Amino acid sequence: MAHIAYLRVSTVDQNTDRQLTDTGISFDKSFTDKCSGGSTKRPALTELKEYVRDGDTIHVHSIDRLARNLVDLKQLVNGWNEQGVSVKFHKENLSFNAGGSDHMSELMLNMLGAVAQFELAMIQERRQEGIEKAKAAGKYKGRPSNETNHQRIIELRTEGVSLRKIASEVGVSLSTVQRALAASGKN
């Protein structure tokens, strides 16, 4: 019967200091993701899913820290409950227990999950509007290329190194290697 913390922030520049600090609970283990909640393909969340056992309780600061869409949220919570794992959202003061939850908690999970999904859609829409406005003003060119990596890719290819080996050595994807070589004309 372990108490497990799941923490998530959207970027590596953010920190989890404000999450689950005032619970008074001594957590047996913590899992922290520093990436978007728009997908459930997150390293720490995957580890958490493999780690939890019947009788454990997962503590999450708020619903939107676990998932940003209702389908993923319900699948995670229901899946854990079926496994005998309870889930507690501290900000909303909602608990979902292995034996089943009350109807009001289910309603709140659905409503707050839908709000989290709506917020994500609004964030994405505003980001896209900002990008389009910046492009129209000639201020947005996308992420700048990493010239150091590109030079190293070209050097390695000139030496006859395979594309996969270049990707591995430089620490980039195969498609990045292919794009860098195509841009340089050194396929």
Protein backbone atom coordinates (compact mmCIF):
# COMPACT_ATOMS: atom_id res chain seq x y z
CA MET A 1 0.00 0.00 0.00
CA ALA A 2 2.34 2.67 -1.30
CA HIS A 3 1.62 6.37 -1.69
CA ILE A 4 2.96 7.41 -5.08
CA ALA A 5 3.24 10.96 -6.42
CA TYR A 6 2.84 11.78 -10.10
CA LEU A 7 4.11 15.24 -11.05
CA ARG A 8 4.11 16.89 -14.47
CA VAL A 9 5.13 20.21 -15.93
CA SER A 10 4.97 21.11 -19.61
CA THR A 11 8.60 22.10 -20.19
CA VAL A 12 12.04 21.36 -18.77
CA ASP A 13 12.29 25.03 -17.74
CA GLN A 14 9.36 24.67 -15.32
CA ASN A 15 9.55 22.97 -11.94
CA THR A 16 7.21 20.88 -9.84
CA ASP A 17 7.86 22.74 -6.57
CA ARG A 18 4.24 23.81 -6.09
CA GLN A 19 2.77 20.34 -6.71
CA LEU A 20 1.83 18.11 -3.74
CA THR A 21 3.98 20.03 -1.24
CA ASP A 22 1.25 20.72 1.31
CA THR A 23 -0.35 17.27 1.46
CA GLY A 24 1.43 16.11 4.61
CA ILE A 25 1.98 12.75 2.92
CA SER A 26 5.34 11.02 2.85
CA PHE A 27 5.47 9.55 -0.66
CA ASP A 28 7.07 6.16 -1.16
CA LYS A 29 7.97 7.02 -4.74
CA SER A 30 7.60 9.93 -7.15
CA PHE A 31 7.37 10.00 -10.93
CA THR A 32 7.99 13.30 -12.75
CA ASP A 33 7.41 14.18 -16.40
CA LYS A 34 8.60 17.40 -18.01
CA CYS A 35 6.57 17.33 -21.19
CA SER A 36 3.13 18.08 -22.58
CA GLY A 37 0.09 16.36 -21.14
CA GLY A 38 -1.54 16.17 -24.56
CA SER A 39 -0.43 12.55 -24.93
CA THR A 40 -0.09 9.65 -22.51
CA LYS A 41 3.21 8.65 -24.14
CA ARG A 42 5.35 10.09 -21.36
CA PRO A 43 8.37 8.33 -19.83
CA ALA A 44 7.50 8.74 -16.14
CA LEU A 45 3.81 7.98 -16.72
CA THR A 46 4.81 4.76 -18.48
CA GLU A 47 7.06 3.84 -15.55
CA LEU A 48 4.26 4.65 -13.11
CA LYS A 49 1.83 2.37 -14.96
CA GLU A 50 4.32 -0.48 -14.70
CA TYR A 51 5.17 0.24 -11.05
CA VAL A 52 1.77 0.49 -9.32
CA ARG A 53 0.26 -2.49 -7.54
CA ASP A 54 -3.07 -3.43 -5.98
CA GLY A 55 -3.65 -1.30 -2.88
CA ASP A 56 -1.44 1.63 -3.97
CA THR A 57 -2.67 5.22 -4.13
CA ILE A 58 -1.52 7.60 -6.86
CA HIS A 59 -1.52 11.26 -5.82
CA VAL A 60 -1.76 13.93 -8.53
CA HIS A 61 -1.79 17.70 -7.93
CA SER A 62 -4.65 18.33 -10.37
CA ILE A 63 -6.55 16.59 -13.15
CA ASP A 64 -4.81 18.51 -15.93
CA ARG A 65 -1.43 17.29 -14.67
CA LEU A 66 -2.44 13.71 -15.47
CA ALA A 67 -4.23 14.18 -18.81
CA ARG A 68 -5.42 16.94 -21.09
CA ASN A 69 -8.20 15.00 -22.74
CA LEU A 70 -11.17 13.21 -21.29
CA VAL A 71 -10.64 9.87 -23.03
CA ASP A 72 -7.06 9.49 -21.74
CA LEU A 73 -8.06 10.69 -18.27
CA LYS A 74 -10.88 8.18 -17.94
CA GLN A 75 -8.78 5.33 -19.35
CA LEU A 76 -5.98 6.00 -16.86
CA VAL A 77 -8.22 6.39 -13.81
CA ASN A 78 -10.52 3.49 -14.68
CA GLY A 79 -7.58 1.26 -15.62
CA TRP A 80 -5.88 1.90 -12.29
CA ASN A 81 -9.12 1.40 -10.37
CA GLU A 82 -9.62 -1.97 -12.09
CA GLN A 83 -6.07 -2.83 -11.02
CA GLY A 84 -6.97 -2.08 -7.41
CA VAL A 85 -5.18 1.29 -7.42
CA SER A 86 -6.79 4.46 -6.06
CA VAL A 87 -6.22 7.90 -7.60
CA LYS A 88 -6.46 11.17 -5.66
CA PHE A 89 -6.51 14.63 -7.26
CA HIS A 90 -5.57 17.05 -4.50
CA LYS A 91 -6.50 20.42 -6.04
CA GLU A 92 -10.01 19.22 -6.88
CA ASN A 93 -10.23 17.07 -3.72
CA LEU A 94 -11.47 14.09 -5.72
CA SER A 95 -10.68 10.44 -5.02
CA PHE A 96 -11.32 7.47 -7.24
CA ASN A 97 -11.06 4.22 -5.37
CA ALA A 98 -10.59 0.67 -6.55
CA GLY A 99 -13.99 -0.34 -5.16
CA GLY A 100 -15.77 2.35 -7.16
CA SER A 101 -16.42 6.04 -6.75
CA ASP A 102 -19.56 8.00 -6.05
CA HIS A 103 -21.60 9.48 -8.88
CA MET A 104 -20.72 13.07 -7.94
CA SER A 105 -16.99 12.31 -8.24
CA GLU A 106 -17.59 10.70 -11.63
CA LEU A 107 -19.51 13.78 -12.77
CA MET A 108 -16.72 16.08 -11.56
CA LEU A 109 -14.06 13.96 -13.30
CA ASN A 110 -16.00 14.20 -16.57
CA MET A 111 -16.58 17.94 -16.26
CA LEU A 112 -13.05 18.84 -15.17
CA GLY A 113 -11.55 16.48 -17.74
CA ALA A 114 -13.59 18.20 -20.44
CA VAL A 115 -12.39 21.60 -19.18
CA ALA A 116 -8.75 20.42 -19.33
CA GLN A 117 -9.33 19.21 -22.89
CA PHE A 118 -10.92 22.55 -23.82
CA GLU A 119 -7.99 24.46 -22.27
CA LEU A 120 -5.50 22.45 -24.32
CA ALA A 121 -7.45 23.16 -27.51
CA MET A 122 -7.48 26.89 -26.68
CA ILE A 123 -3.72 26.90 -25.96
CA GLN A 124 -3.05 25.19 -29.30
CA GLU A 125 -5.34 27.59 -31.14
CA ARG A 126 -3.71 30.67 -29.59
CA ARG A 127 -0.23 29.29 -30.34
CA GLN A 128 -1.16 28.70 -33.98
CA GLU A 129 -2.70 32.19 -34.28
CA GLY A 130 0.49 33.69 -32.84
CA ILE A 131 2.66 31.74 -35.27
CA GLU A 132 0.52 32.81 -38.24
CA LYS A 133 0.63 36.45 -37.13
CA ALA A 134 4.41 36.32 -36.67
CA LYS A 135 4.85 34.65 -40.08
CA ALA A 136 2.74 37.36 -41.72
CA ALA A 137 4.98 39.98 -40.10
CA GLY A 138 8.09 38.10 -41.25
CA LYS A 139 9.19 37.42 -37.67
CA TYR A 140 8.66 33.65 -37.48
CA LYS A 141 10.93 31.28 -39.29
CA GLY A 142 10.48 28.14 -37.20
CA ARG A 143 13.08 26.66 -34.91
CA PRO A 144 16.60 27.61 -36.02
CA SER A 145 18.75 24.76 -37.29
CA ASN A 146 21.65 23.58 -35.18
CA GLU A 147 24.62 24.50 -37.38
CA THR A 148 27.10 22.61 -35.19
CA ASN A 149 25.13 19.38 -35.65
CA HIS A 150 24.70 20.02 -39.36
CA GLN A 151 28.44 20.55 -39.86
CA ARG A 152 29.22 17.36 -37.94
CA ILE A 153 26.65 15.43 -40.00
CA ILE A 154 28.26 16.63 -43.24
CA GLU A 155 31.77 15.78 -41.96
CA LEU A 156 30.74 12.26 -40.97
CA ARG A 157 28.96 11.64 -44.28
CA THR A 158 32.02 12.87 -46.19
CA GLU A 159 34.02 10.27 -44.24
CA GLY A 160 31.62 7.60 -45.52
CA VAL A 161 29.76 6.96 -42.25
CA SER A 162 26.26 5.47 -42.66
CA LEU A 163 23.20 7.63 -42.02
CA ARG A 164 22.09 5.56 -39.02
CA LYS A 165 25.54 5.71 -37.44
CA ILE A 166 25.64 9.49 -37.98
CA ALA A 167 22.24 9.87 -36.29
CA SER A 168 23.40 7.78 -33.35
CA GLU A 169 26.73 9.58 -32.97
CA VAL A 170 25.33 13.11 -33.29
CA GLY A 171 22.28 12.30 -31.16
CA VAL A 172 19.61 13.26 -33.66
CA SER A 173 16.94 11.40 -35.60
CA LEU A 174 17.58 9.78 -38.96
CA SER A 175 15.21 12.28 -40.60
CA THR A 176 17.28 15.17 -39.18
CA VAL A 177 20.40 13.66 -40.76
CA GLN A 178 18.58 13.29 -44.09
CA ARG A 179 17.29 16.89 -43.98
CA ALA A 180 20.74 18.29 -43.12
CA LEU A 181 22.37 16.37 -45.97
CA ALA A 182 19.62 17.35 -48.43
CA ALA A 183 20.00 21.02 -47.48
CA SER A 184 23.76 20.82 -48.01
CA GLY A 185 23.47 18.87 -51.28
CA LYS A 186 25.73 16.10 -49.90
CA ASN A 187 23.30 13.18 -49.97
